[in-house]
């Protein structure tokens, strides 16, 4: 299988913005094992701004764009250093690709992205993709790494998109406010009611929320790709998903 895994800021960092070392180590170990089993993996990783905020010892995520861009530039270095170091421990090579929405709108660059991803996978290298947050202001404002992951999955002809976040999946109500909220196992189509369930809020250091994940699901489903939202606090969920267990919410791609 060719699998795109999106890692959210809340999965990679503590609330302080500092790196969650134990979780990143577990994720890299499990992802390496999944690659060893013969699957092709592409990572779409958030976290650059969050890591930059932590490294700069800022008390909270900055509001002004220049500081956000500076934090992204600092954090991206640390993010790739971590991935390079941890995956190399399991004999896997990673490659960084920084993209913007405009890259996919241009036919030539879009084709180049597809060719680069395919060639890296042929070389048994794991692409690690992030938005180029240090130069593109509208991308930071939208906080669209969820949508980016879906577009990448479509470009890469992936079989599955897994979005790891700080929530178990899509619920019938906000689980933080309603103790009777139930998780929705499978979604077959995106309706206005589904968007209504999604709400709008993300985490303090992250930029997305459930709404961006629903938008991503729309893109993936339309391309015939299944997408699963699962809790990134439990990296072993990746094993469970590939073993066919019910984990999180599955959005069934149109076949």
Protein backbone atom coordinates (compact mmCIF):
# COMPACT_ATOMS: atom_id res chain seq x y z
CA UNK A 1 0.00 0.00 0.00
CA UNK A 2 0.99 3.59 -0.59
CA UNK A 3 0.04 5.52 2.53
CA UNK A 4 0.15 9.23 3.32
CA UNK A 5 0.35 9.97 7.05
CA UNK A 6 -0.35 13.49 8.28
CA UNK A 7 1.10 14.38 11.69
CA UNK A 8 -0.47 17.36 13.44
CA UNK A 9 1.28 19.81 15.74
CA UNK A 10 -0.58 18.42 18.76
CA UNK A 11 0.82 14.96 17.97
CA UNK A 12 4.44 16.15 17.80
CA UNK A 13 4.62 18.63 20.67
CA UNK A 14 3.60 19.17 24.27
CA UNK A 15 1.23 22.05 25.05
CA UNK A 16 4.33 24.09 25.90
CA UNK A 17 5.39 23.83 22.26
CA UNK A 18 8.41 21.73 23.16
CA UNK A 19 9.03 18.48 21.31
CA UNK A 20 7.21 15.41 22.63
CA UNK A 21 10.31 13.21 22.40
CA UNK A 22 8.68 9.99 23.57
CA UNK A 23 5.86 10.24 21.02
CA UNK A 24 8.11 11.18 18.11
CA UNK A 25 10.40 8.26 18.91
CA UNK A 26 7.41 5.89 19.01
CA UNK A 27 6.03 7.28 15.74
CA UNK A 28 9.35 6.97 13.91
CA UNK A 29 9.81 3.40 15.17
CA UNK A 30 6.32 2.31 14.13
CA UNK A 31 6.47 4.09 10.77
CA UNK A 32 9.83 2.45 10.09
CA UNK A 33 8.35 -0.94 10.92
CA UNK A 34 5.45 -0.27 8.55
CA UNK A 35 7.97 0.57 5.82
CA UNK A 36 9.86 -2.62 6.63
CA UNK A 37 6.62 -4.54 6.02
CA UNK A 38 6.67 -3.29 2.44
CA UNK A 39 4.38 -0.26 2.53
CA UNK A 40 5.33 3.01 0.84
CA UNK A 41 5.03 6.00 3.17
CA UNK A 42 4.75 9.74 2.63
CA UNK A 43 4.67 12.02 5.68
CA UNK A 44 2.92 15.37 5.70
CA UNK A 45 4.15 16.98 8.89
CA UNK A 46 2.94 20.04 10.72
CA UNK A 47 4.83 21.36 13.71
CA UNK A 48 7.39 23.80 12.30
CA UNK A 49 5.79 26.91 13.82
CA UNK A 50 5.06 25.09 17.09
CA UNK A 51 8.65 23.85 17.40
CA UNK A 52 9.97 27.30 16.53
CA UNK A 53 7.79 28.85 19.25
CA UNK A 54 9.17 26.35 21.75
CA UNK A 55 12.78 26.85 20.70
CA UNK A 56 12.40 30.64 20.97
CA UNK A 57 10.90 30.20 24.44
CA UNK A 58 7.86 32.23 23.45
CA UNK A 59 4.95 31.93 25.88
CA UNK A 60 2.38 31.54 23.12
CA UNK A 61 2.01 31.35 19.37
CA UNK A 62 2.75 34.78 17.83
CA UNK A 63 -0.01 36.76 16.15
CA UNK A 64 2.10 38.82 13.74
CA UNK A 65 3.10 37.26 10.43
CA UNK A 66 6.88 38.03 10.47
CA UNK A 67 7.30 36.25 13.83
CA UNK A 68 5.23 33.30 12.60
CA UNK A 69 7.46 33.08 9.54
CA UNK A 70 10.61 33.30 11.67
CA UNK A 71 9.30 30.59 14.01
CA UNK A 72 8.52 28.39 10.99
CA UNK A 73 12.04 28.82 9.58
CA UNK A 74 13.61 27.89 12.94
CA UNK A 75 11.21 25.05 13.65
CA UNK A 76 11.54 23.46 10.21
CA UNK A 77 15.26 22.92 10.78
CA UNK A 78 14.61 21.17 14.07
CA UNK A 79 11.75 19.13 12.64
CA UNK A 80 13.85 17.72 9.79
CA UNK A 81 16.84 17.16 12.06
CA UNK A 82 14.61 15.03 14.28
CA UNK A 83 13.15 13.01 11.43
CA UNK A 84 16.54 12.48 9.80
CA UNK A 85 18.11 11.35 13.08
CA UNK A 86 15.27 9.09 14.26
CA UNK A 87 14.51 7.38 10.94
CA UNK A 88 18.21 6.81 10.26
CA UNK A 89 18.34 4.77 13.47
CA UNK A 90 16.07 2.30 11.65
CA UNK A 91 17.99 2.56 8.35
CA UNK A 92 15.46 4.73 6.55
CA UNK A 93 16.27 7.88 4.60
CA UNK A 94 14.00 10.93 4.58
CA UNK A 95 13.76 13.79 2.11
CA UNK A 96 12.28 17.23 2.71
CA UNK A 97 9.78 18.80 0.32
CA UNK A 98 8.37 22.26 1.10
CA UNK A 99 5.28 23.20 -0.88
CA UNK A 100 2.69 25.92 -1.28
CA UNK A 101 -0.81 25.85 -2.70
CA UNK A 102 0.45 27.68 -5.80
CA UNK A 103 2.77 24.78 -6.59
CA UNK A 104 -0.22 22.56 -7.30
CA UNK A 105 -2.01 25.18 -9.40
CA UNK A 106 0.83 25.34 -11.92
CA UNK A 107 0.76 22.36 -14.30
CA UNK A 108 4.56 22.09 -14.63
CA UNK A 109 5.35 22.32 -10.91
CA UNK A 110 2.45 19.99 -10.07
CA UNK A 111 3.86 17.39 -12.46
CA UNK A 112 7.33 17.88 -10.97
CA UNK A 113 5.96 17.29 -7.46
CA UNK A 114 4.34 14.04 -8.57
CA UNK A 115 7.51 12.88 -10.32
CA UNK A 116 9.72 13.74 -7.34
CA UNK A 117 7.49 11.90 -4.86
CA UNK A 118 7.31 8.85 -7.13
CA UNK A 119 11.07 8.78 -7.66
CA UNK A 120 11.82 9.13 -3.96
CA UNK A 121 9.50 6.22 -3.19
CA UNK A 122 11.17 4.15 -5.92
CA UNK A 123 14.48 4.87 -4.19
CA UNK A 124 12.94 3.68 -0.89
CA UNK A 125 13.15 7.20 0.55
CA UNK A 126 10.39 8.64 2.73
CA UNK A 127 9.27 12.11 1.58
CA UNK A 128 8.49 14.50 4.46
CA UNK A 129 6.26 17.28 3.20
CA UNK A 130 5.29 20.55 4.87
CA UNK A 131 3.92 23.89 3.77
CA UNK A 132 6.59 26.48 3.07
CA UNK A 133 5.39 28.55 6.01
CA UNK A 134 8.43 30.82 6.18
CA UNK A 135 7.56 32.58 2.91
CA UNK A 136 3.83 32.09 2.23
CA UNK A 137 1.50 34.16 4.37
CA UNK A 138 -1.86 32.88 3.15
CA UNK A 139 -0.91 29.27 3.82
CA UNK A 140 -0.09 30.09 7.45
CA UNK A 141 -3.35 31.93 7.87
CA UNK A 142 -5.40 29.03 6.52
CA UNK A 143 -3.47 26.39 8.42
CA UNK A 144 -4.16 23.88 5.70
CA UNK A 145 -1.75 20.98 6.20
CA UNK A 146 -4.83 18.74 6.34
CA UNK A 147 -5.85 19.85 2.87
CA UNK A 148 -2.22 19.68 1.74
CA UNK A 149 -2.11 16.04 2.89
CA UNK A 150 -5.21 15.23 0.83
CA UNK A 151 -3.79 16.93 -2.26
CA UNK A 152 -0.50 15.07 -1.80
CA UNK A 153 -2.39 11.78 -1.41
CA UNK A 154 -4.20 12.51 -4.67
CA UNK A 155 -0.98 13.50 -6.48
CA UNK A 156 0.82 10.41 -5.19
CA UNK A 157 -2.03 8.03 -6.12
CA UNK A 158 -2.13 6.88 -2.50
CA UNK A 159 -4.29 4.02 -1.30
CA UNK A 160 -4.90 5.52 2.14
CA UNK A 161 -4.60 8.83 3.98
CA UNK A 162 -4.23 8.72 7.77
CA UNK A 163 -4.62 12.00 9.67
CA UNK A 164 -3.29 11.85 13.23
CA UNK A 165 -4.65 14.57 15.49
CA UNK A 166 -5.55 15.24 19.15
CA UNK A 167 -9.03 13.72 18.83
CA UNK A 168 -10.23 10.15 18.30
CA UNK A 169 -12.31 10.98 15.23
CA UNK A 170 -15.52 12.75 14.22
CA UNK A 171 -18.19 12.72 16.93
CA UNK A 172 -21.94 13.20 16.94
CA UNK A 173 -21.29 16.26 19.17
CA UNK A 174 -18.30 18.05 20.70
CA UNK A 175 -16.85 15.40 23.08
CA UNK A 176 -15.16 18.11 25.14
CA UNK A 177 -18.57 19.55 25.97
CA UNK A 178 -21.00 16.63 25.63
CA UNK A 179 -20.18 13.43 27.57
CA UNK A 180 -22.81 11.54 25.54
CA UNK A 181 -21.09 12.25 22.22
CA UNK A 182 -20.42 9.10 20.18
CA UNK A 183 -17.71 8.59 17.62
CA UNK A 184 -18.85 8.11 14.02
CA UNK A 185 -17.21 4.96 12.64
CA UNK A 186 -17.73 5.52 8.91
CA UNK A 187 -18.69 8.49 6.73
CA UNK A 188 -19.79 7.75 3.16
CA UNK A 189 -20.44 11.31 1.98
CA UNK A 190 -19.72 14.83 3.17
CA UNK A 191 -22.96 16.69 3.90
CA UNK A 192 -23.72 20.07 5.48
CA UNK A 193 -24.58 18.12 8.65
CA UNK A 194 -21.06 16.66 8.72
CA UNK A 195 -19.56 20.15 8.47
CA UNK A 196 -21.86 21.28 11.28
CA UNK A 197 -20.53 18.50 13.51
CA UNK A 198 -16.96 19.56 12.72
CA UNK A 199 -17.10 22.93 14.54
CA UNK A 200 -14.22 25.34 14.04
CA UNK A 201 -11.63 25.16 16.82
CA UNK A 202 -8.11 23.77 16.65
CA UNK A 203 -5.39 23.63 19.32
CA UNK A 204 -3.42 26.63 20.58
CA UNK A 205 -0.23 25.79 18.68
CA UNK A 206 -1.89 24.12 15.72
CA UNK A 207 -3.63 26.00 12.96
CA UNK A 208 -6.24 23.52 11.78
CA UNK A 209 -9.31 21.96 13.29
CA UNK A 210 -11.94 19.39 12.36
CA UNK A 211 -13.28 21.60 9.56
CA UNK A 212 -9.99 21.42 7.63
CA UNK A 213 -10.02 17.64 8.11
CA UNK A 214 -13.49 17.40 6.61
CA UNK A 215 -12.30 19.48 3.64
CA UNK A 216 -9.37 17.09 3.29
CA UNK A 217 -11.74 14.12 3.45
CA UNK A 218 -13.77 15.61 0.59
CA UNK A 219 -10.69 15.83 -1.62
CA UNK A 220 -9.52 12.31 -0.73
CA UNK A 221 -12.95 10.71 -1.13
CA UNK A 222 -13.49 12.37 -4.51
CA UNK A 223 -10.15 10.88 -5.62
CA UNK A 224 -11.23 7.42 -4.47
CA UNK A 225 -8.92 7.42 -1.44
CA UNK A 226 -10.01 6.29 2.02
CA UNK A 227 -9.11 8.70 4.82
CA UNK A 228 -8.96 7.92 8.53
CA UNK A 229 -8.85 10.41 11.40
CA UNK A 230 -7.27 8.87 14.51
CA UNK A 231 -5.69 10.01 17.75
CA UNK A 232 -1.97 10.69 17.40
CA UNK A 233 -1.45 10.32 21.14
CA UNK A 234 -1.48 6.57 20.51
CA UNK A 235 1.03 5.84 17.69
CA UNK A 236 0.15 2.13 17.88
CA UNK A 237 -3.14 3.09 16.22
CA UNK A 238 -1.19 2.92 12.97
CA UNK A 239 -0.70 -0.82 13.45
CA UNK A 240 -4.36 -1.28 14.33
CA UNK A 241 -5.50 0.60 11.22
CA UNK A 242 -3.36 -1.54 8.91
CA UNK A 243 -4.57 -4.68 10.69
CA UNK A 244 -8.10 -3.73 9.68
CA UNK A 245 -9.38 -2.78 13.13
CA UNK A 246 -11.93 -0.02 13.64
CA UNK A 247 -9.95 3.04 14.66
CA UNK A 248 -11.21 6.61 14.61
CA UNK A 249 -13.46 7.71 11.77
CA UNK A 250 -13.07 6.32 8.26
CA UNK A 251 -14.15 8.40 5.28
CA UNK A 252 -14.81 6.00 2.43
CA UNK A 253 -13.42 7.03 -0.93
CA UNK A 254 -15.62 6.84 -4.00
CA UNK A 255 -14.78 3.66 -5.92
